[in-house]
Amino acid sequence: ILLTLSNPPISLPAVLKLTDSFGSLSRYNINWSKSEAMPLNPHTFQADLVGSPFVWKTSGMKYLGVNIVFPITKIFRGTNSLLTVLIEQSETQDRV
């Protein structure tokens, strides 16, 4: 699940509670210690992140093969360069 929250100090506890409720009904549990989160807002304070069960990533993370980087404005630059390399490799293989 890729989720964005506009006010993590307030909304994160509610999301965790909702996720735990869903887990108890569905018998599906999330391994929080393997879950990653990344603050995209440069004004997010470290104190706001303490106590959450996630592994916090400050420079970037990978989600379904896409690099999500900080600041978020770099995401297209990183993804496009990877995409360009993959296309070039594919074209090279097609010629052989």
PDB file of N, CA and C in Angstrom:
ATOM      1  N   ILE A   1       0.855  -1.173   0.000  1.00  0.00           N
ATOM      2  CA  ILE A   1       0.000   0.000   0.000  1.00  0.00           C
ATOM      3  C   ILE A   1       0.893   1.225   0.000  1.00  0.00           C
ATOM      4  N   LEU A   2       0.631   2.135  -0.894  1.00  0.00           N
ATOM      5  CA  LEU A   2       1.304   3.424  -0.898  1.00  0.00           C
ATOM      6  C   LEU A   2       0.278   4.433  -0.414  1.00  0.00           C
ATOM      7  N   LEU A   3       0.595   5.102   0.667  1.00  0.00           N
ATOM      8  CA  LEU A   3      -0.359   5.977   1.338  1.00  0.00           C
ATOM      9  C   LEU A   3       0.291   7.313   1.620  1.00  0.00           C
ATOM     10  N   THR A   4      -0.428   8.391   1.370  1.00  0.00           N
ATOM     11  CA  THR A   4       0.078   9.715   1.734  1.00  0.00           C
ATOM     12  C   THR A   4      -0.838  10.307   2.795  1.00  0.00           C
ATOM     13  N   LEU A   5      -0.232  10.949   3.760  1.00  0.00           N
ATOM     14  CA  LEU A   5      -0.972  11.581   4.853  1.00  0.00           C
ATOM     15  C   LEU A   5      -0.612  13.052   4.899  1.00  0.00           C
ATOM     16  N   SER A   6      -1.612  13.897   5.060  1.00  0.00           N
ATOM     17  CA  SER A   6      -1.338  15.333   5.069  1.00  0.00           C
ATOM     18  C   SER A   6      -0.895  15.836   6.435  1.00  0.00           C
ATOM     19  N   ASN A   7      -1.279  15.152   7.494  1.00  0.00           N
ATOM     20  CA  ASN A   7      -0.903  15.581   8.838  1.00  0.00           C
ATOM     21  C   ASN A   7      -0.560  14.344   9.672  1.00  0.00           C
ATOM     22  N   PRO A   8       0.631  13.766   9.464  1.00  0.00           N
ATOM     23  CA  PRO A   8       0.984  12.495  10.107  1.00  0.00           C
ATOM     24  C   PRO A   8       0.820  12.449  11.627  1.00  0.00           C
ATOM     25  N   PRO A   9       1.181  13.492  12.379  1.00  0.00           N
ATOM     26  CA  PRO A   9       1.024  13.373  13.833  1.00  0.00           C
ATOM     27  C   PRO A   9      -0.416  13.096  14.263  1.00  0.00           C
ATOM     28  N   ILE A  10      -1.375  13.571  13.492  1.00  0.00           N
ATOM     29  CA  ILE A  10      -2.781  13.353  13.834  1.00  0.00           C
ATOM     30  C   ILE A  10      -3.347  12.133  13.112  1.00  0.00           C
ATOM     31  N   SER A  11      -3.057  12.012  11.819  1.00  0.00           N
ATOM     32  CA  SER A  11      -3.686  10.958  11.026  1.00  0.00           C
ATOM     33  C   SER A  11      -3.018   9.594  11.155  1.00  0.00           C
ATOM     34  N   LEU A  12      -1.735   9.551  11.471  1.00  0.00           N
ATOM     35  CA  LEU A  12      -1.035   8.272  11.561  1.00  0.00           C
ATOM     36  C   LEU A  12      -1.611   7.352  12.640  1.00  0.00           C
ATOM     37  N   PRO A  13      -1.879   7.840  13.856  1.00  0.00           N
ATOM     38  CA  PRO A  13      -2.491   6.946  14.845  1.00  0.00           C
ATOM     39  C   PRO A  13      -3.840   6.389  14.384  1.00  0.00           C
ATOM     40  N   ALA A  14      -4.623   7.206  13.687  1.00  0.00           N
ATOM     41  CA  ALA A  14      -5.919   6.734  13.190  1.00  0.00           C
ATOM     42  C   ALA A  14      -5.743   5.668  12.114  1.00  0.00           C
ATOM     43  N   VAL A  15      -4.765   5.846  11.236  1.00  0.00           N
ATOM     44  CA  VAL A  15      -4.496   4.856  10.185  1.00  0.00           C
ATOM     45  C   VAL A  15      -4.028   3.544  10.804  1.00  0.00           C
ATOM     46  N   LEU A  16      -3.160   3.626  11.803  1.00  0.00           N
ATOM     47  CA  LEU A  16      -2.676   2.410  12.469  1.00  0.00           C
ATOM     48  C   LEU A  16      -3.818   1.669  13.152  1.00  0.00           C
ATOM     49  N   LYS A  17      -4.702   2.409  13.803  1.00  0.00           N
ATOM     50  CA  LYS A  17      -5.846   1.790  14.484  1.00  0.00           C
ATOM     51  C   LYS A  17      -6.777   1.134  13.465  1.00  0.00           C
ATOM     52  N   LEU A  18      -7.038   1.833  12.368  1.00  0.00           N
ATOM     53  CA  LEU A  18      -7.897   1.287  11.323  1.00  0.00           C
ATOM     54  C   LEU A  18      -7.283   0.036  10.700  1.00  0.00           C
ATOM     55  N   THR A  19      -5.991   0.065  10.463  1.00  0.00           N
ATOM     56  CA  THR A  19      -5.291  -1.083   9.882  1.00  0.00           C
ATOM     57  C   THR A  19      -5.330  -2.277  10.831  1.00  0.00           C
ATOM     58  N   ASP A  20      -5.138  -2.025  12.112  1.00  0.00           N
ATOM     59  CA  ASP A  20      -5.215  -3.110  13.091  1.00  0.00           C
ATOM     60  C   ASP A  20      -6.628  -3.685  13.173  1.00  0.00           C
ATOM     61  N   SER A  21      -7.651  -2.833  13.080  1.00  0.00           N
ATOM     62  CA  SER A  21      -9.041  -3.311  13.081  1.00  0.00           C
ATOM     63  C   SER A  21      -9.304  -4.186  11.863  1.00  0.00           C
ATOM     64  N   PHE A  22      -8.829  -3.743  10.711  1.00  0.00           N
ATOM     65  CA  PHE A  22      -8.974  -4.536   9.494  1.00  0.00           C
ATOM     66  C   PHE A  22      -8.262  -5.877   9.650  1.00  0.00           C
ATOM     67  N   GLY A  23      -7.071  -5.840  10.243  1.00  0.00           N
ATOM     68  CA  GLY A  23      -6.307  -7.065  10.440  1.00  0.00           C
ATOM     69  C   GLY A  23      -7.014  -8.062  11.332  1.00  0.00           C
ATOM     70  N   SER A  24      -7.668  -7.565  12.379  1.00  0.00           N
ATOM     71  CA  SER A  24      -8.361  -8.486  13.285  1.00  0.00           C
ATOM     72  C   SER A  24      -9.587  -9.101  12.615  1.00  0.00           C
ATOM     73  N   LEU A  25     -10.223  -8.370  11.712  1.00  0.00           N
ATOM     74  CA  LEU A  25     -11.388  -8.913  11.011  1.00  0.00           C
ATOM     75  C   LEU A  25     -10.990  -9.854   9.878  1.00  0.00           C
ATOM     76  N   SER A  26      -9.935  -9.508   9.175  1.00  0.00           N
ATOM     77  CA  SER A  26      -9.539 -10.285   7.998  1.00  0.00           C
ATOM     78  C   SER A  26      -8.502 -11.364   8.303  1.00  0.00           C
ATOM     79  N   ARG A  27      -7.959 -11.303   9.502  1.00  0.00           N
ATOM     80  CA  ARG A  27      -6.862 -12.186   9.904  1.00  0.00           C
ATOM     81  C   ARG A  27      -5.614 -11.967   9.051  1.00  0.00           C
ATOM     82  N   TYR A  28      -5.484 -10.768   8.544  1.00  0.00           N
ATOM     83  CA  TYR A  28      -4.313 -10.371   7.761  1.00  0.00           C
ATOM     84  C   TYR A  28      -3.518  -9.393   8.606  1.00  0.00           C
ATOM     85  N   ASN A  29      -2.274  -9.728   8.865  1.00  0.00           N
ATOM     86  CA  ASN A  29      -1.449  -8.872   9.708  1.00  0.00           C
ATOM     87  C   ASN A  29      -0.322  -8.251   8.903  1.00  0.00           C
ATOM     88  N   ILE A  30      -0.026  -7.015   9.214  1.00  0.00           N
ATOM     89  CA  ILE A  30       1.073  -6.308   8.567  1.00  0.00           C
ATOM     90  C   ILE A  30       2.300  -6.415   9.450  1.00  0.00           C
ATOM     91  N   ASN A  31       3.412  -6.744   8.846  1.00  0.00           N
ATOM     92  CA  ASN A  31       4.677  -6.772   9.567  1.00  0.00           C
ATOM     93  C   ASN A  31       5.223  -5.344   9.573  1.00  0.00           C
ATOM     94  N   TRP A  32       4.905  -4.613  10.622  1.00  0.00           N
ATOM     95  CA  TRP A  32       5.272  -3.196  10.688  1.00  0.00           C
ATOM     96  C   TRP A  32       6.782  -2.994  10.663  1.00  0.00           C
ATOM     97  N   SER A  33       7.541  -3.948  11.173  1.00  0.00           N
ATOM     98  CA  SER A  33       8.997  -3.770  11.197  1.00  0.00           C
ATOM     99  C   SER A  33       9.604  -3.819   9.793  1.00  0.00           C
ATOM    100  N   LYS A  34       8.864  -4.362   8.822  1.00  0.00           N
ATOM    101  CA  LYS A  34       9.328  -4.374   7.437  1.00  0.00           C
ATOM    102  C   LYS A  34       8.664  -3.282   6.602  1.00  0.00           C
ATOM    103  N   SER A  35       7.805  -2.506   7.225  1.00  0.00           N
ATOM    104  CA  SER A  35       7.111  -1.427   6.524  1.00  0.00           C
ATOM    105  C   SER A  35       7.958  -0.168   6.558  1.00  0.00           C
ATOM    106  N   GLU A  36       7.986   0.535   5.437  1.00  0.00           N
ATOM    107  CA  GLU A  36       8.807   1.735   5.332  1.00  0.00           C
ATOM    108  C   GLU A  36       7.924   2.955   5.136  1.00  0.00           C
ATOM    109  N   ALA A  37       8.411   4.069   5.641  1.00  0.00           N
ATOM    110  CA  ALA A  37       7.716   5.345   5.477  1.00  0.00           C
ATOM    111  C   ALA A  37       8.751   6.417   5.203  1.00  0.00           C
ATOM    112  N   MET A  38       8.311   7.442   4.490  1.00  0.00           N
ATOM    113  CA  MET A  38       9.220   8.529   4.165  1.00  0.00           C
ATOM    114  C   MET A  38       8.466   9.851   4.274  1.00  0.00           C
ATOM    115  N   PRO A  39       8.954  10.759   5.107  1.00  0.00           N
ATOM    116  CA  PRO A  39       8.304  12.068   5.187  1.00  0.00           C
ATOM    117  C   PRO A  39       8.636  12.886   3.936  1.00  0.00           C
ATOM    118  N   LEU A  40       7.610  13.320   3.216  1.00  0.00           N
ATOM    119  CA  LEU A  40       7.819  14.099   2.003  1.00  0.00           C
ATOM    120  C   LEU A  40       7.826  15.596   2.274  1.00  0.00           C
ATOM    121  N   ASN A  41       7.356  15.972   3.437  1.00  0.00           N
ATOM    122  CA  ASN A  41       7.315  17.380   3.810  1.00  0.00           C
ATOM    123  C   ASN A  41       8.584  17.723   4.576  1.00  0.00           C
ATOM    124  N   PRO A  42       9.357  18.699   4.108  1.00  0.00           N
ATOM    125  CA  PRO A  42      10.597  19.043   4.814  1.00  0.00           C
ATOM    126  C   PRO A  42      10.360  19.633   6.200  1.00  0.00           C
ATOM    127  N   HIS A  43       9.101  19.980   6.504  1.00  0.00           N
ATOM    128  CA  HIS A  43       8.787  20.565   7.807  1.00  0.00           C
ATOM    129  C   HIS A  43       8.329  19.519   8.826  1.00  0.00           C
ATOM    130  N   THR A  44       8.365  18.250   8.436  1.00  0.00           N
ATOM    131  CA  THR A  44       8.028  17.184   9.375  1.00  0.00           C
ATOM    132  C   THR A  44       9.158  17.060  10.387  1.00  0.00           C
ATOM    133  N   PHE A  45       8.812  17.089  11.637  1.00  0.00           N
ATOM    134  CA  PHE A  45       9.817  17.043  12.696  1.00  0.00           C
ATOM    135  C   PHE A  45      10.069  15.607  13.129  1.00  0.00           C
ATOM    136  N   GLN A  46      11.299  15.319  13.485  1.00  0.00           N
ATOM    137  CA  GLN A  46      11.654  13.979  13.966  1.00  0.00           C
ATOM    138  C   GLN A  46      10.787  13.583  15.155  1.00  0.00           C
ATOM    139  N   ALA A  47      10.451  14.540  16.009  1.00  0.00           N
ATOM    140  CA  ALA A  47       9.635  14.233  17.185  1.00  0.00           C
ATOM    141  C   ALA A  47       8.259  13.712  16.786  1.00  0.00           C
ATOM    142  N   ASP A  48       7.756  14.151  15.627  1.00  0.00           N
ATOM    143  CA  ASP A  48       6.452  13.685  15.153  1.00  0.00           C
ATOM    144  C   ASP A  48       6.496  12.227  14.711  1.00  0.00           C
ATOM    145  N   LEU A  49       7.682  11.733  14.400  1.00  0.00           N
ATOM    146  CA  LEU A  49       7.824  10.387  13.854  1.00  0.00           C
ATOM    147  C   LEU A  49       8.130   9.340  14.919  1.00  0.00           C
ATOM    148  N   VAL A  50       8.503   9.785  16.096  1.00  0.00           N
ATOM    149  CA  VAL A  50       8.869   8.867  17.178  1.00  0.00           C
ATOM    150  C   VAL A  50       7.631   8.090  17.621  1.00  0.00           C
ATOM    151  N   GLY A  51       7.811   6.824  17.839  1.00  0.00           N
ATOM    152  CA  GLY A  51       6.723   5.996  18.330  1.00  0.00           C
ATOM    153  C   GLY A  51       5.942   5.288  17.241  1.00  0.00           C
ATOM    154  N   SER A  52       6.203   5.611  15.992  1.00  0.00           N
ATOM    155  CA  SER A  52       5.519   4.896  14.922  1.00  0.00           C
ATOM    156  C   SER A  52       6.293   3.612  14.625  1.00  0.00           C
ATOM    157  N   PRO A  53       5.601   2.586  14.159  1.00  0.00           N
ATOM    158  CA  PRO A  53       6.248   1.282  13.993  1.00  0.00           C
ATOM    159  C   PRO A  53       7.045   1.117  12.701  1.00  0.00           C
ATOM    160  N   PHE A  54       7.129   2.145  11.890  1.00  0.00           N
ATOM    161  CA  PHE A  54       7.775   2.027  10.586  1.00  0.00           C
ATOM    162  C   PHE A  54       9.279   2.193  10.665  1.00  0.00           C
ATOM    163  N   VAL A  55       9.924   1.743   9.600  1.00  0.00           N
ATOM    164  CA  VAL A  55      11.320   2.091   9.357  1.00  0.00           C
ATOM    165  C   VAL A  55      11.257   3.376   8.543  1.00  0.00           C
ATOM    166  N   TRP A  56      11.785   4.461   9.104  1.00  0.00           N
ATOM    167  CA  TRP A  56      11.711   5.749   8.424  1.00  0.00           C
ATOM    168  C   TRP A  56      12.887   5.916   7.474  1.00  0.00           C
ATOM    169  N   LYS A  57      12.587   6.251   6.243  1.00  0.00           N
ATOM    170  CA  LYS A  57      13.585   6.494   5.207  1.00  0.00           C
ATOM    171  C   LYS A  57      13.622   7.994   4.944  1.00  0.00           C
ATOM    172  N   THR A  58      14.794   8.579   5.029  1.00  0.00           N
ATOM    173  CA  THR A  58      14.883  10.024   4.847  1.00  0.00           C
ATOM    174  C   THR A  58      15.362  10.427   3.461  1.00  0.00           C
ATOM    175  N   SER A  59      16.045   9.537   2.764  1.00  0.00           N
ATOM    176  CA  SER A  59      16.566   9.926   1.453  1.00  0.00           C
ATOM    177  C   SER A  59      15.785   9.303   0.299  1.00  0.00           C
ATOM    178  N   GLY A  60      15.118   8.207   0.528  1.00  0.00           N
ATOM    179  CA  GLY A  60      14.342   7.588  -0.532  1.00  0.00           C
ATOM    180  C   GLY A  60      14.022   6.140  -0.243  1.00  0.00           C
ATOM    181  N   MET A  61      13.129   5.590  -1.053  1.00  0.00           N
ATOM    182  CA  MET A  61      12.728   4.197  -0.916  1.00  0.00           C
ATOM    183  C   MET A  61      12.246   3.706  -2.276  1.00  0.00           C
ATOM    184  N   LYS A  62      12.095   2.405  -2.403  1.00  0.00           N
ATOM    185  CA  LYS A  62      11.635   1.823  -3.662  1.00  0.00           C
ATOM    186  C   LYS A  62      10.265   1.200  -3.425  1.00  0.00           C
ATOM    187  N   TYR A  63       9.325   1.501  -4.315  1.00  0.00           N
ATOM    188  CA  TYR A  63       7.978   0.947  -4.230  1.00  0.00           C
ATOM    189  C   TYR A  63       7.597   0.416  -5.609  1.00  0.00           C
ATOM    190  N   LEU A  64       7.398  -0.880  -5.706  1.00  0.00           N
ATOM    191  CA  LEU A  64       7.045  -1.540  -6.962  1.00  0.00           C
ATOM    192  C   LEU A  64       7.990  -1.159  -8.100  1.00  0.00           C
ATOM    193  N   GLY A  65       9.268  -1.102  -7.777  1.00  0.00           N
ATOM    194  CA  GLY A  65      10.276  -0.828  -8.781  1.00  0.00           C
ATOM    195  C   GLY A  65      10.499   0.639  -9.093  1.00  0.00           C
ATOM    196  N   VAL A  66       9.743   1.515  -8.451  1.00  0.00           N
ATOM    197  CA  VAL A  66       9.893   2.954  -8.682  1.00  0.00           C
ATOM    198  C   VAL A  66      10.608   3.560  -7.488  1.00  0.00           C
ATOM    199  N   ASN A  67      11.666   4.299  -7.765  1.00  0.00           N
ATOM    200  CA  ASN A  67      12.385   4.981  -6.690  1.00  0.00           C
ATOM    201  C   ASN A  67      11.629   6.238  -6.298  1.00  0.00           C
ATOM    202  N   ILE A  68      11.252   6.313  -5.041  1.00  0.00           N
ATOM    203  CA  ILE A  68      10.614   7.505  -4.499  1.00  0.00           C
ATOM    204  C   ILE A  68      11.689   8.208  -3.696  1.00  0.00           C
ATOM    205  N   VAL A  69      12.015   9.405  -4.107  1.00  0.00           N
ATOM    206  CA  VAL A  69      13.147  10.107  -3.517  1.00  0.00           C
ATOM    207  C   VAL A  69      12.689  11.401  -2.853  1.00  0.00           C
ATOM    208  N   PHE A  70      13.555  11.916  -2.021  1.00  0.00           N
ATOM    209  CA  PHE A  70      13.308  13.195  -1.371  1.00  0.00           C
ATOM    210  C   PHE A  70      14.358  14.181  -1.839  1.00  0.00           C
ATOM    211  N   PRO A  71      14.018  15.359  -2.241  1.00  0.00           N
ATOM    212  CA  PRO A  71      12.658  15.882  -2.338  1.00  0.00           C
ATOM    213  C   PRO A  71      11.895  15.240  -3.492  1.00  0.00           C
ATOM    214  N   ILE A  72      10.588  15.246  -3.372  1.00  0.00           N
ATOM    215  CA  ILE A  72       9.717  14.548  -4.317  1.00  0.00           C
ATOM    216  C   ILE A  72       9.872  15.075  -5.740  1.00  0.00           C
ATOM    217  N   THR A  73      10.356  16.299  -5.901  1.00  0.00           N
ATOM    218  CA  THR A  73      10.539  16.862  -7.246  1.00  0.00           C
ATOM    219  C   THR A  73      11.572  16.088  -8.046  1.00  0.00           C
ATOM    220  N   LYS A  74      12.427  15.312  -7.388  1.00  0.00           N
ATOM    221  CA  LYS A  74      13.443  14.516  -8.082  1.00  0.00           C
ATOM    222  C   LYS A  74      12.912  13.173  -8.573  1.00  0.00           C
ATOM    223  N   ILE A  75      11.684  12.822  -8.224  1.00  0.00           N
ATOM    224  CA  ILE A  75      11.181  11.483  -8.548  1.00  0.00           C
ATOM    225  C   ILE A  75      11.141  11.248 -10.055  1.00  0.00           C
ATOM    226  N   PHE A  76      10.728  12.234 -10.816  1.00  0.00           N
ATOM    227  CA  PHE A  76      10.628  12.030 -12.259  1.00  0.00           C
ATOM    228  C   PHE A  76      12.001  11.951 -12.898  1.00  0.00           C
ATOM    229  N   ARG A  77      12.934  12.709 -12.394  1.00  0.00           N
ATOM    230  CA  ARG A  77      14.293  12.663 -12.915  1.00  0.00           C
ATOM    231  C   ARG A  77      14.879  11.265 -12.709  1.00  0.00           C
ATOM    232  N   GLY A  78      14.729  10.712 -11.519  1.00  0.00           N
ATOM    233  CA  GLY A  78      15.276   9.386 -11.232  1.00  0.00           C
ATOM    234  C   GLY A  78      14.562   8.290 -11.989  1.00  0.00           C
ATOM    235  N   THR A  79      13.238   8.367 -12.054  1.00  0.00           N
ATOM    236  CA  THR A  79      12.465   7.341 -12.737  1.00  0.00           C
ATOM    237  C   THR A  79      12.679   7.420 -14.238  1.00  0.00           C
ATOM    238  N   ASN A  80      12.700   8.633 -14.773  1.00  0.00           N
ATOM    239  CA  ASN A  80      12.881   8.770 -16.218  1.00  0.00           C
ATOM    240  C   ASN A  80      14.242   8.278 -16.663  1.00  0.00           C
ATOM    241  N   SER A  81      15.280   8.535 -15.878  1.00  0.00           N
ATOM    242  CA  SER A  81      16.597   8.058 -16.285  1.00  0.00           C
ATOM    243  C   SER A  81      16.637   6.533 -16.283  1.00  0.00           C
ATOM    244  N   LEU A  82      16.010   5.906 -15.304  1.00  0.00           N
ATOM    245  CA  LEU A  82      15.939   4.445 -15.271  1.00  0.00           C
ATOM    246  C   LEU A  82      15.126   3.944 -16.454  1.00  0.00           C
ATOM    247  N   LEU A  83      14.024   4.597 -16.722  1.00  0.00           N
ATOM    248  CA  LEU A  83      13.185   4.205 -17.844  1.00  0.00           C
ATOM    249  C   LEU A  83      13.939   4.342 -19.160  1.00  0.00           C
ATOM    250  N   THR A  84      14.696   5.406 -19.300  1.00  0.00           N
ATOM    251  CA  THR A  84      15.495   5.612 -20.505  1.00  0.00           C
ATOM    252  C   THR A  84      16.506   4.488 -20.685  1.00  0.00           C
ATOM    253  N   VAL A  85      17.178   4.101 -19.621  1.00  0.00           N
ATOM    254  CA  VAL A  85      18.159   3.012 -19.689  1.00  0.00           C
ATOM    255  C   VAL A  85      17.480   1.711 -20.092  1.00  0.00           C
ATOM    256  N   LEU A  86      16.325   1.417 -19.514  1.00  0.00           N
ATOM    257  CA  LEU A  86      15.618   0.177 -19.850  1.00  0.00           C
ATOM    258  C   LEU A  86      15.169   0.164 -21.304  1.00  0.00           C
ATOM    259  N   ILE A  87      14.692   1.298 -21.794  1.00  0.00           N
ATOM    260  CA  ILE A  87      14.276   1.378 -23.196  1.00  0.00           C
ATOM    261  C   ILE A  87      15.473   1.190 -24.120  1.00  0.00           C
ATOM    262  N   GLU A  88      16.580   1.847 -23.793  1.00  0.00           N
ATOM    263  CA  GLU A  88      17.781   1.709 -24.617  1.00  0.00           C
ATOM    264  C   GLU A  88      18.279   0.272 -24.626  1.00  0.00           C
ATOM    265  N   GLN A  89      18.233  -0.400 -23.471  1.00  0.00           N
ATOM    266  CA  GLN A  89      18.663  -1.799 -23.416  1.00  0.00           C
ATOM    267  C   GLN A  89      17.741  -2.676 -24.254  1.00  0.00           C
ATOM    268  N   SER A  90      16.458  -2.396 -24.181  1.00  0.00           N
ATOM    269  CA  SER A  90      15.487  -3.168 -24.949  1.00  0.00           C
ATOM    270  C   SER A  90      15.707  -2.986 -26.446  1.00  0.00           C
ATOM    271  N   GLU A  91      15.971  -1.747 -26.861  1.00  0.00           N
ATOM    272  CA  GLU A  91      16.221  -1.484 -28.281  1.00  0.00           C
ATOM    273  C   GLU A  91      17.493  -2.172 -28.753  1.00  0.00           C
ATOM    274  N   THR A  92      18.521  -2.184 -27.915  1.00  0.00           N
ATOM    275  CA  THR A  92      19.783  -2.834 -28.257  1.00  0.00           C
ATOM    276  C   THR A  92      19.575  -4.336 -28.417  1.00  0.00           C
ATOM    277  N   GLN A  93      18.805  -4.947 -27.527  1.00  0.00           N
ATOM    278  CA  GLN A  93      18.551  -6.384 -27.597  1.00  0.00           C
ATOM    279  C   GLN A  93      17.732  -6.736 -28.832  1.00  0.00           C
ATOM    280  N   ASP A  94      16.824  -5.846 -29.228  1.00  0.00           N
ATOM    281  CA  ASP A  94      16.000  -6.108 -30.411  1.00  0.00           C
ATOM    282  C   ASP A  94      16.823  -6.104 -31.691  1.00  0.00           C
ATOM    283  N   ARG A  95      17.903  -5.338 -31.706  1.00  0.00           N
ATOM    284  CA  ARG A  95      18.743  -5.234 -32.903  1.00  0.00           C
ATOM    285  C   ARG A  95      19.653  -6.446 -33.069  1.00  0.00           C
ATOM    286  N   VAL A  96      19.924  -7.150 -31.991  1.00  0.00           N
ATOM    287  CA  VAL A  96      20.865  -8.273 -32.039  1.00  0.00           C
ATOM    288  C   VAL A  96      20.213  -9.517 -32.557  1.00  0.00           C
TER     289      VAL A  96
END
